[in-house]
All heavy atoms as atom14 arrays in JSON, in Angstrom:
{
  "sequence": "IMLKHFEISKPQVSFYEQNEKKHLPRLIGMLQAGQ",
  "atom14_mask": [
    [1, 1, 1, 1, 1, 1, 1, 1, 0, 0, 0, 0, 0, 0],
    [1, 1, 1, 1, 1, 1, 1, 1, 0, 0, 0, 0, 0, 0],
    [1, 1, 1, 1, 1, 1, 1, 1, 0, 0, 0, 0, 0, 0],
    [1, 1, 1, 1, 1, 1, 1, 1, 1, 0, 0, 0, 0, 0],
    [1, 1, 1, 1, 1, 1, 1, 1, 1, 1, 0, 0, 0, 0],
    [1, 1, 1, 1, 1, 1, 1, 1, 1, 1, 1, 0, 0, 0],
    [1, 1, 1, 1, 1, 1, 1, 1, 1, 0, 0, 0, 0, 0],
    [1, 1, 1, 1, 1, 1, 1, 1, 0, 0, 0, 0, 0, 0],
    [1, 1, 1, 1, 1, 1, 0, 0, 0, 0, 0, 0, 0, 0],
    [1, 1, 1, 1, 1, 1, 1, 1, 1, 0, 0, 0, 0, 0],
    [1, 1, 1, 1, 1, 1, 1, 0, 0, 0, 0, 0, 0, 0],
    [1, 1, 1, 1, 1, 1, 1, 1, 1, 0, 0, 0, 0, 0],
    [1, 1, 1, 1, 1, 1, 1, 0, 0, 0, 0, 0, 0, 0],
    [1, 1, 1, 1, 1, 1, 0, 0, 0, 0, 0, 0, 0, 0],
    [1, 1, 1, 1, 1, 1, 1, 1, 1, 1, 1, 0, 0, 0],
    [1, 1, 1, 1, 1, 1, 1, 1, 1, 1, 1, 1, 0, 0],
    [1, 1, 1, 1, 1, 1, 1, 1, 1, 0, 0, 0, 0, 0],
    [1, 1, 1, 1, 1, 1, 1, 1, 1, 0, 0, 0, 0, 0],
    [1, 1, 1, 1, 1, 1, 1, 1, 0, 0, 0, 0, 0, 0],
    [1, 1, 1, 1, 1, 1, 1, 1, 1, 0, 0, 0, 0, 0],
    [1, 1, 1, 1, 1, 1, 1, 1, 1, 0, 0, 0, 0, 0],
    [1, 1, 1, 1, 1, 1, 1, 1, 1, 0, 0, 0, 0, 0],
    [1, 1, 1, 1, 1, 1, 1, 1, 1, 1, 0, 0, 0, 0],
    [1, 1, 1, 1, 1, 1, 1, 1, 0, 0, 0, 0, 0, 0],
    [1, 1, 1, 1, 1, 1, 1, 0, 0, 0, 0, 0, 0, 0],
    [1, 1, 1, 1, 1, 1, 1, 1, 1, 1, 1, 0, 0, 0],
    [1, 1, 1, 1, 1, 1, 1, 1, 0, 0, 0, 0, 0, 0],
    [1, 1, 1, 1, 1, 1, 1, 1, 0, 0, 0, 0, 0, 0],
    [1, 1, 1, 1, 0, 0, 0, 0, 0, 0, 0, 0, 0, 0],
    [1, 1, 1, 1, 1, 1, 1, 1, 0, 0, 0, 0, 0, 0],
    [1, 1, 1, 1, 1, 1, 1, 1, 0, 0, 0, 0, 0, 0],
    [1, 1, 1, 1, 1, 1, 1, 1, 1, 0, 0, 0, 0, 0],
    [1, 1, 1, 1, 1, 0, 0, 0, 0, 0, 0, 0, 0, 0],
    [1, 1, 1, 1, 0, 0, 0, 0, 0, 0, 0, 0, 0, 0],
    [1, 1, 1, 1, 1, 1, 1, 1, 1, 0, 0, 0, 0, 0]
  ],
  "atom14_positions": [
    [[-13.19, 109.63, 113.03], [-12.28, 108.57, 113.48], [-11.73, 107.81, 112.27], [-10.53, 107.52, 112.19], [-13.0, 107.6, 114.44], [-13.33, 108.32, 115.75], [-12.14, 106.37, 114.72], [-14.21, 107.53, 116.69], [0.0, 0.0, 0.0], [0.0, 0.0, 0.0], [0.0, 0.0, 0.0], [0.0, 0.0, 0.0], [0.0, 0.0, 0.0], [0.0, 0.0, 0.0]],
    [[-12.61, 107.51, 111.31], [-12.18, 106.8, 110.11], [-11.21, 107.64, 109.28], [-10.16, 107.15, 108.83], [-13.39, 106.42, 109.25], [-13.02, 105.65, 107.99], [-14.39, 105.46, 106.83], [-14.57, 107.16, 106.24], [0.0, 0.0, 0.0], [0.0, 0.0, 0.0], [0.0, 0.0, 0.0], [0.0, 0.0, 0.0], [0.0, 0.0, 0.0], [0.0, 0.0, 0.0]],
    [[-11.55, 108.9, 109.09], [-10.68, 109.79, 108.3], [-9.31, 109.93, 108.96], [-8.28, 109.9, 108.28], [-11.34, 111.16, 108.14], [-12.62, 111.2, 107.29], [-13.21, 112.61, 107.31], [-12.36, 110.76, 105.86], [0.0, 0.0, 0.0], [0.0, 0.0, 0.0], [0.0, 0.0, 0.0], [0.0, 0.0, 0.0], [0.0, 0.0, 0.0], [0.0, 0.0, 0.0]],
    [[-9.31, 110.07, 110.27], [-8.03, 110.2, 110.99], [-7.19, 108.94, 110.83], [-5.96, 109.01, 110.67], [-8.3, 110.49, 112.47], [-7.02, 110.72, 113.27], [-7.35, 111.06, 114.73], [-6.06, 111.3, 115.52], [-6.36, 111.62, 116.95], [0.0, 0.0, 0.0], [0.0, 0.0, 0.0], [0.0, 0.0, 0.0], [0.0, 0.0, 0.0], [0.0, 0.0, 0.0]],
    [[-7.85, 107.79, 110.86], [-7.13, 106.51, 110.71], [-6.38, 106.46, 109.38], [-5.27, 105.93, 109.3], [-8.12, 105.34, 110.79], [-7.49, 104.01, 110.58], [-6.86, 103.31, 111.59], [-7.4, 103.21, 109.45], [-6.41, 102.16, 111.1], [-6.71, 102.08, 109.83], [0.0, 0.0, 0.0], [0.0, 0.0, 0.0], [0.0, 0.0, 0.0], [0.0, 0.0, 0.0]],
    [[-6.99, 107.03, 108.34], [-6.37, 107.01, 107.02], [-5.64, 108.32, 106.7], [-5.29, 108.58, 105.56], [-7.43, 106.72, 105.95], [-7.98, 105.32, 106.02], [-9.29, 105.1, 106.45], [-7.2, 104.23, 105.7], [-9.79, 103.81, 106.52], [-7.69, 102.94, 105.78], [-8.99, 102.72, 106.19], [0.0, 0.0, 0.0], [0.0, 0.0, 0.0], [0.0, 0.0, 0.0]],
    [[-5.44, 109.13, 107.74], [-4.69, 110.39, 107.62], [-5.3, 111.31, 106.56], [-4.6, 111.88, 105.72], [-3.22, 110.1, 107.32], [-2.53, 109.28, 108.41], [-1.07, 109.01, 108.12], [-0.65, 109.17, 106.95], [-0.33, 108.65, 109.06], [0.0, 0.0, 0.0], [0.0, 0.0, 0.0], [0.0, 0.0, 0.0], [0.0, 0.0, 0.0], [0.0, 0.0, 0.0]],
    [[-6.62, 111.43, 106.63], [-7.35, 112.32, 105.72], [-7.96, 113.45, 106.55], [-8.63, 113.21, 107.56], [-8.47, 111.56, 104.98], [-7.86, 110.45, 104.12], [-9.28, 112.52, 104.12], [-8.89, 109.54, 103.5], [0.0, 0.0, 0.0], [0.0, 0.0, 0.0], [0.0, 0.0, 0.0], [0.0, 0.0, 0.0], [0.0, 0.0, 0.0], [0.0, 0.0, 0.0]],
    [[-7.72, 114.67, 106.14], [-8.26, 115.83, 106.84], [-9.21, 116.59, 105.91], [-8.76, 117.18, 104.91], [-7.13, 116.75, 107.31], [-7.64, 117.89, 107.96], [0.0, 0.0, 0.0], [0.0, 0.0, 0.0], [0.0, 0.0, 0.0], [0.0, 0.0, 0.0], [0.0, 0.0, 0.0], [0.0, 0.0, 0.0], [0.0, 0.0, 0.0], [0.0, 0.0, 0.0]],
    [[-10.5, 116.55, 106.21], [-11.51, 117.21, 105.39], [-12.59, 117.82, 106.28], [-12.95, 117.25, 107.31], [-12.18, 116.2, 104.44], [-11.26, 115.67, 103.36], [-10.91, 116.76, 102.34], [-9.88, 116.25, 101.36], [-9.53, 117.28, 100.35], [0.0, 0.0, 0.0], [0.0, 0.0, 0.0], [0.0, 0.0, 0.0], [0.0, 0.0, 0.0], [0.0, 0.0, 0.0]],
    [[-13.13, 118.96, 105.88], [-14.27, 119.51, 106.62], [-15.49, 118.61, 106.45], [-15.67, 118.0, 105.39], [-14.5, 120.88, 105.98], [-13.89, 120.77, 104.62], [-12.72, 119.84, 104.77], [0.0, 0.0, 0.0], [0.0, 0.0, 0.0], [0.0, 0.0, 0.0], [0.0, 0.0, 0.0], [0.0, 0.0, 0.0], [0.0, 0.0, 0.0], [0.0, 0.0, 0.0]],
    [[-16.31, 118.52, 107.49], [-17.5, 117.68, 107.44], [-18.77, 118.5, 107.66], [-18.76, 119.5, 108.37], [-17.45, 116.6, 108.52], [-16.34, 115.58, 108.35], [-16.5, 114.44, 109.35], [-17.46, 113.67, 109.28], [-15.57, 114.35, 110.28], [0.0, 0.0, 0.0], [0.0, 0.0, 0.0], [0.0, 0.0, 0.0], [0.0, 0.0, 0.0], [0.0, 0.0, 0.0]],
    [[-19.84, 118.05, 107.04], [-21.17, 118.6, 107.26], [-22.04, 117.47, 107.8], [-22.11, 116.39, 107.19], [-21.79, 119.15, 105.96], [-23.25, 119.57, 106.19], [-20.99, 120.33, 105.44], [0.0, 0.0, 0.0], [0.0, 0.0, 0.0], [0.0, 0.0, 0.0], [0.0, 0.0, 0.0], [0.0, 0.0, 0.0], [0.0, 0.0, 0.0], [0.0, 0.0, 0.0]],
    [[-22.65, 117.69, 108.94], [-23.52, 116.68, 109.53], [-24.75, 116.47, 108.65], [-25.41, 117.43, 108.24], [-23.95, 117.12, 110.93], [-24.88, 116.22, 111.48], [0.0, 0.0, 0.0], [0.0, 0.0, 0.0], [0.0, 0.0, 0.0], [0.0, 0.0, 0.0], [0.0, 0.0, 0.0], [0.0, 0.0, 0.0], [0.0, 0.0, 0.0], [0.0, 0.0, 0.0]],
    [[-25.08, 115.22, 108.34], [-26.23, 114.94, 107.48], [-26.84, 113.61, 107.91], [-26.4, 112.54, 107.53], [-25.79, 114.86, 106.01], [-26.95, 114.83, 105.05], [-27.7, 115.98, 104.8], [-27.27, 113.66, 104.38], [-28.76, 115.94, 103.91], [-28.34, 113.62, 103.49], [-29.08, 114.77, 103.25], [0.0, 0.0, 0.0], [0.0, 0.0, 0.0], [0.0, 0.0, 0.0]],
    [[-27.85, 113.7, 108.79], [-28.53, 112.5, 109.28], [-30.03, 112.72, 109.24], [-30.5, 113.81, 108.86], [-28.06, 112.12, 110.68], [-28.22, 113.19, 111.73], [-29.36, 113.25, 112.53], [-27.23, 114.16, 111.94], [-29.52, 114.22, 113.51], [-27.38, 115.14, 112.9], [-28.52, 115.17, 113.68], [-28.67, 116.14, 114.64], [0.0, 0.0, 0.0], [0.0, 0.0, 0.0]],
    [[-30.79, 111.71, 109.6], [-32.24, 111.71, 109.39], [-32.93, 112.95, 109.96], [-33.8, 113.53, 109.34], [-32.85, 110.45, 110.01], [-34.34, 110.31, 109.75], [-34.91, 109.02, 110.32], [-34.14, 108.23, 110.91], [-36.12, 108.82, 110.17], [0.0, 0.0, 0.0], [0.0, 0.0, 0.0], [0.0, 0.0, 0.0], [0.0, 0.0, 0.0], [0.0, 0.0, 0.0]],
    [[-32.51, 113.36, 111.15], [-33.2, 114.46, 111.82], [-32.83, 115.85, 111.28], [-33.52, 116.82, 111.57], [-32.92, 114.42, 113.33], [-33.68, 113.34, 114.08], [-33.16, 111.95, 113.8], [-31.96, 111.77, 113.55], [-34.03, 110.95, 113.84], [0.0, 0.0, 0.0], [0.0, 0.0, 0.0], [0.0, 0.0, 0.0], [0.0, 0.0, 0.0], [0.0, 0.0, 0.0]],
    [[-31.74, 115.96, 110.53], [-31.37, 117.29, 110.02], [-31.24, 117.34, 108.5], [-30.7, 118.31, 107.95], [-30.08, 117.78, 110.68], [-28.82, 117.09, 110.17], [-28.88, 116.25, 109.27], [-27.68, 117.42, 110.74], [0.0, 0.0, 0.0], [0.0, 0.0, 0.0], [0.0, 0.0, 0.0], [0.0, 0.0, 0.0], [0.0, 0.0, 0.0], [0.0, 0.0, 0.0]],
    [[-31.71, 116.3, 107.82], [-31.59, 116.26, 106.36], [-32.22, 117.49, 105.7], [-31.62, 118.12, 104.83], [-32.23, 114.99, 105.81], [-31.37, 113.75, 105.92], [-32.02, 112.54, 105.29], [-32.95, 111.99, 105.91], [-31.62, 112.16, 104.19], [0.0, 0.0, 0.0], [0.0, 0.0, 0.0], [0.0, 0.0, 0.0], [0.0, 0.0, 0.0], [0.0, 0.0, 0.0]],
    [[-33.45, 117.82, 106.11], [-34.14, 118.95, 105.48], [-33.41, 120.26, 105.72], [-33.34, 121.12, 104.85], [-35.57, 119.04, 106.01], [-36.48, 117.91, 105.54], [-37.89, 118.11, 106.04], [-38.81, 116.99, 105.55], [-40.21, 117.18, 106.05], [0.0, 0.0, 0.0], [0.0, 0.0, 0.0], [0.0, 0.0, 0.0], [0.0, 0.0, 0.0], [0.0, 0.0, 0.0]],
    [[-32.82, 120.41, 106.9], [-32.12, 121.63, 107.26], [-30.84, 121.81, 106.46], [-30.54, 122.92, 105.99], [-31.81, 121.63, 108.76], [-31.03, 122.84, 109.24], [-30.73, 122.74, 110.72], [-29.88, 123.92, 111.2], [-29.56, 123.8, 112.65], [0.0, 0.0, 0.0], [0.0, 0.0, 0.0], [0.0, 0.0, 0.0], [0.0, 0.0, 0.0], [0.0, 0.0, 0.0]],
    [[-30.07, 120.73, 106.3], [-28.76, 120.84, 105.67], [-28.75, 120.54, 104.17], [-27.74, 120.75, 103.51], [-27.77, 119.91, 106.39], [-27.38, 120.42, 107.74], [-26.48, 119.75, 108.55], [-27.75, 121.52, 108.44], [-26.33, 120.42, 109.68], [-27.1, 121.49, 109.63], [0.0, 0.0, 0.0], [0.0, 0.0, 0.0], [0.0, 0.0, 0.0], [0.0, 0.0, 0.0]],
    [[-29.87, 120.06, 103.66], [-29.95, 119.75, 102.23], [-29.67, 120.97, 101.34], [-28.85, 120.88, 100.42], [-31.32, 119.14, 101.91], [-31.5, 118.51, 100.53], [-30.51, 117.38, 100.32], [-32.92, 118.0, 100.38], [0.0, 0.0, 0.0], [0.0, 0.0, 0.0], [0.0, 0.0, 0.0], [0.0, 0.0, 0.0], [0.0, 0.0, 0.0], [0.0, 0.0, 0.0]],
    [[-30.3, 122.12, 101.6], [-30.02, 123.29, 100.75], [-28.55, 123.71, 100.79], [-28.0, 124.14, 99.77], [-30.92, 124.38, 101.36], [-32.01, 123.63, 102.05], [-31.35, 122.4, 102.59], [0.0, 0.0, 0.0], [0.0, 0.0, 0.0], [0.0, 0.0, 0.0], [0.0, 0.0, 0.0], [0.0, 0.0, 0.0], [0.0, 0.0, 0.0], [0.0, 0.0, 0.0]],
    [[-27.92, 123.59, 101.95], [-26.5, 123.96, 102.07], [-25.63, 123.08, 101.18], [-24.75, 123.58, 100.47], [-26.07, 123.85, 103.52], [-24.6, 124.18, 103.76], [-24.21, 123.94, 105.21], [-22.79, 124.16, 105.43], [-22.16, 123.86, 106.57], [-22.83, 123.35, 107.58], [-20.85, 124.08, 106.68], [0.0, 0.0, 0.0], [0.0, 0.0, 0.0], [0.0, 0.0, 0.0]],
    [[-25.89, 121.77, 101.21], [-25.09, 120.86, 100.41], [-25.34, 121.04, 98.91], [-24.4, 121.02, 98.11], [-25.38, 119.41, 100.81], [-24.87, 119.01, 102.2], [-25.43, 117.65, 102.62], [-23.34, 118.97, 102.22], [0.0, 0.0, 0.0], [0.0, 0.0, 0.0], [0.0, 0.0, 0.0], [0.0, 0.0, 0.0], [0.0, 0.0, 0.0], [0.0, 0.0, 0.0]],
    [[-26.59, 121.25, 98.54], [-26.9, 121.5, 97.13], [-26.24, 122.8, 96.68], [-25.72, 122.89, 95.55], [-28.43, 121.57, 96.92], [-29.06, 120.18, 97.17], [-28.75, 122.04, 95.5], [-28.57, 119.09, 96.23], [0.0, 0.0, 0.0], [0.0, 0.0, 0.0], [0.0, 0.0, 0.0], [0.0, 0.0, 0.0], [0.0, 0.0, 0.0], [0.0, 0.0, 0.0]],
    [[-26.22, 123.79, 97.56], [-25.54, 125.05, 97.23], [-24.06, 124.85, 96.99], [-23.48, 125.44, 96.06], [0.0, 0.0, 0.0], [0.0, 0.0, 0.0], [0.0, 0.0, 0.0], [0.0, 0.0, 0.0], [0.0, 0.0, 0.0], [0.0, 0.0, 0.0], [0.0, 0.0, 0.0], [0.0, 0.0, 0.0], [0.0, 0.0, 0.0], [0.0, 0.0, 0.0]],
    [[-23.42, 124.04, 97.81], [-22.01, 123.73, 97.62], [-21.77, 123.06, 96.27], [-20.83, 123.4, 95.54], [-21.52, 122.8, 98.74], [-21.42, 123.46, 100.11], [-20.91, 122.23, 101.35], [-20.72, 123.29, 102.79], [0.0, 0.0, 0.0], [0.0, 0.0, 0.0], [0.0, 0.0, 0.0], [0.0, 0.0, 0.0], [0.0, 0.0, 0.0], [0.0, 0.0, 0.0]],
    [[-22.62, 122.1, 95.96], [-22.47, 121.37, 94.69], [-22.7, 122.29, 93.5], [-21.97, 122.22, 92.5], [-23.46, 120.19, 94.67], [-23.13, 119.04, 95.63], [-24.36, 118.16, 95.86], [-21.98, 118.2, 95.09], [0.0, 0.0, 0.0], [0.0, 0.0, 0.0], [0.0, 0.0, 0.0], [0.0, 0.0, 0.0], [0.0, 0.0, 0.0], [0.0, 0.0, 0.0]],
    [[-23.69, 123.15, 93.59], [-23.96, 124.08, 92.49], [-22.83, 125.1, 92.32], [-22.62, 125.63, 91.23], [-25.29, 124.8, 92.73], [-26.5, 123.89, 92.56], [-27.81, 124.58, 92.9], [-27.88, 125.4, 93.82], [-28.86, 124.24, 92.17], [0.0, 0.0, 0.0], [0.0, 0.0, 0.0], [0.0, 0.0, 0.0], [0.0, 0.0, 0.0], [0.0, 0.0, 0.0]],
    [[-22.1, 125.35, 93.41], [-20.97, 126.27, 93.36], [-19.7, 125.6, 92.81], [-18.65, 126.24, 92.7], [-20.7, 126.84, 94.74], [0.0, 0.0, 0.0], [0.0, 0.0, 0.0], [0.0, 0.0, 0.0], [0.0, 0.0, 0.0], [0.0, 0.0, 0.0], [0.0, 0.0, 0.0], [0.0, 0.0, 0.0], [0.0, 0.0, 0.0], [0.0, 0.0, 0.0]],
    [[-19.82, 124.32, 92.47], [-18.69, 123.63, 91.87], [-17.86, 122.8, 92.83], [-16.83, 122.23, 92.44], [0.0, 0.0, 0.0], [0.0, 0.0, 0.0], [0.0, 0.0, 0.0], [0.0, 0.0, 0.0], [0.0, 0.0, 0.0], [0.0, 0.0, 0.0], [0.0, 0.0, 0.0], [0.0, 0.0, 0.0], [0.0, 0.0, 0.0], [0.0, 0.0, 0.0]],
    [[-18.29, 122.7, 94.09], [-17.54, 121.89, 95.04], [-17.88, 120.41, 94.88], [-18.99, 120.05, 94.46], [-17.84, 122.33, 96.47], [-17.26, 123.69, 96.84], [-17.45, 124.0, 98.31], [-18.55, 124.29, 98.77], [-16.37, 123.92, 99.07], [0.0, 0.0, 0.0], [0.0, 0.0, 0.0], [0.0, 0.0, 0.0], [0.0, 0.0, 0.0], [0.0, 0.0, 0.0]]
  ]
}
């Protein structure tokens, strides 16, 4: 909703308390790949 308000279009990855451990490797992988 916030991104749309400012006319920003970006892919999102869910990252909250209950899924931090699950999605942490994915995000670190993205960062290591130069993203």
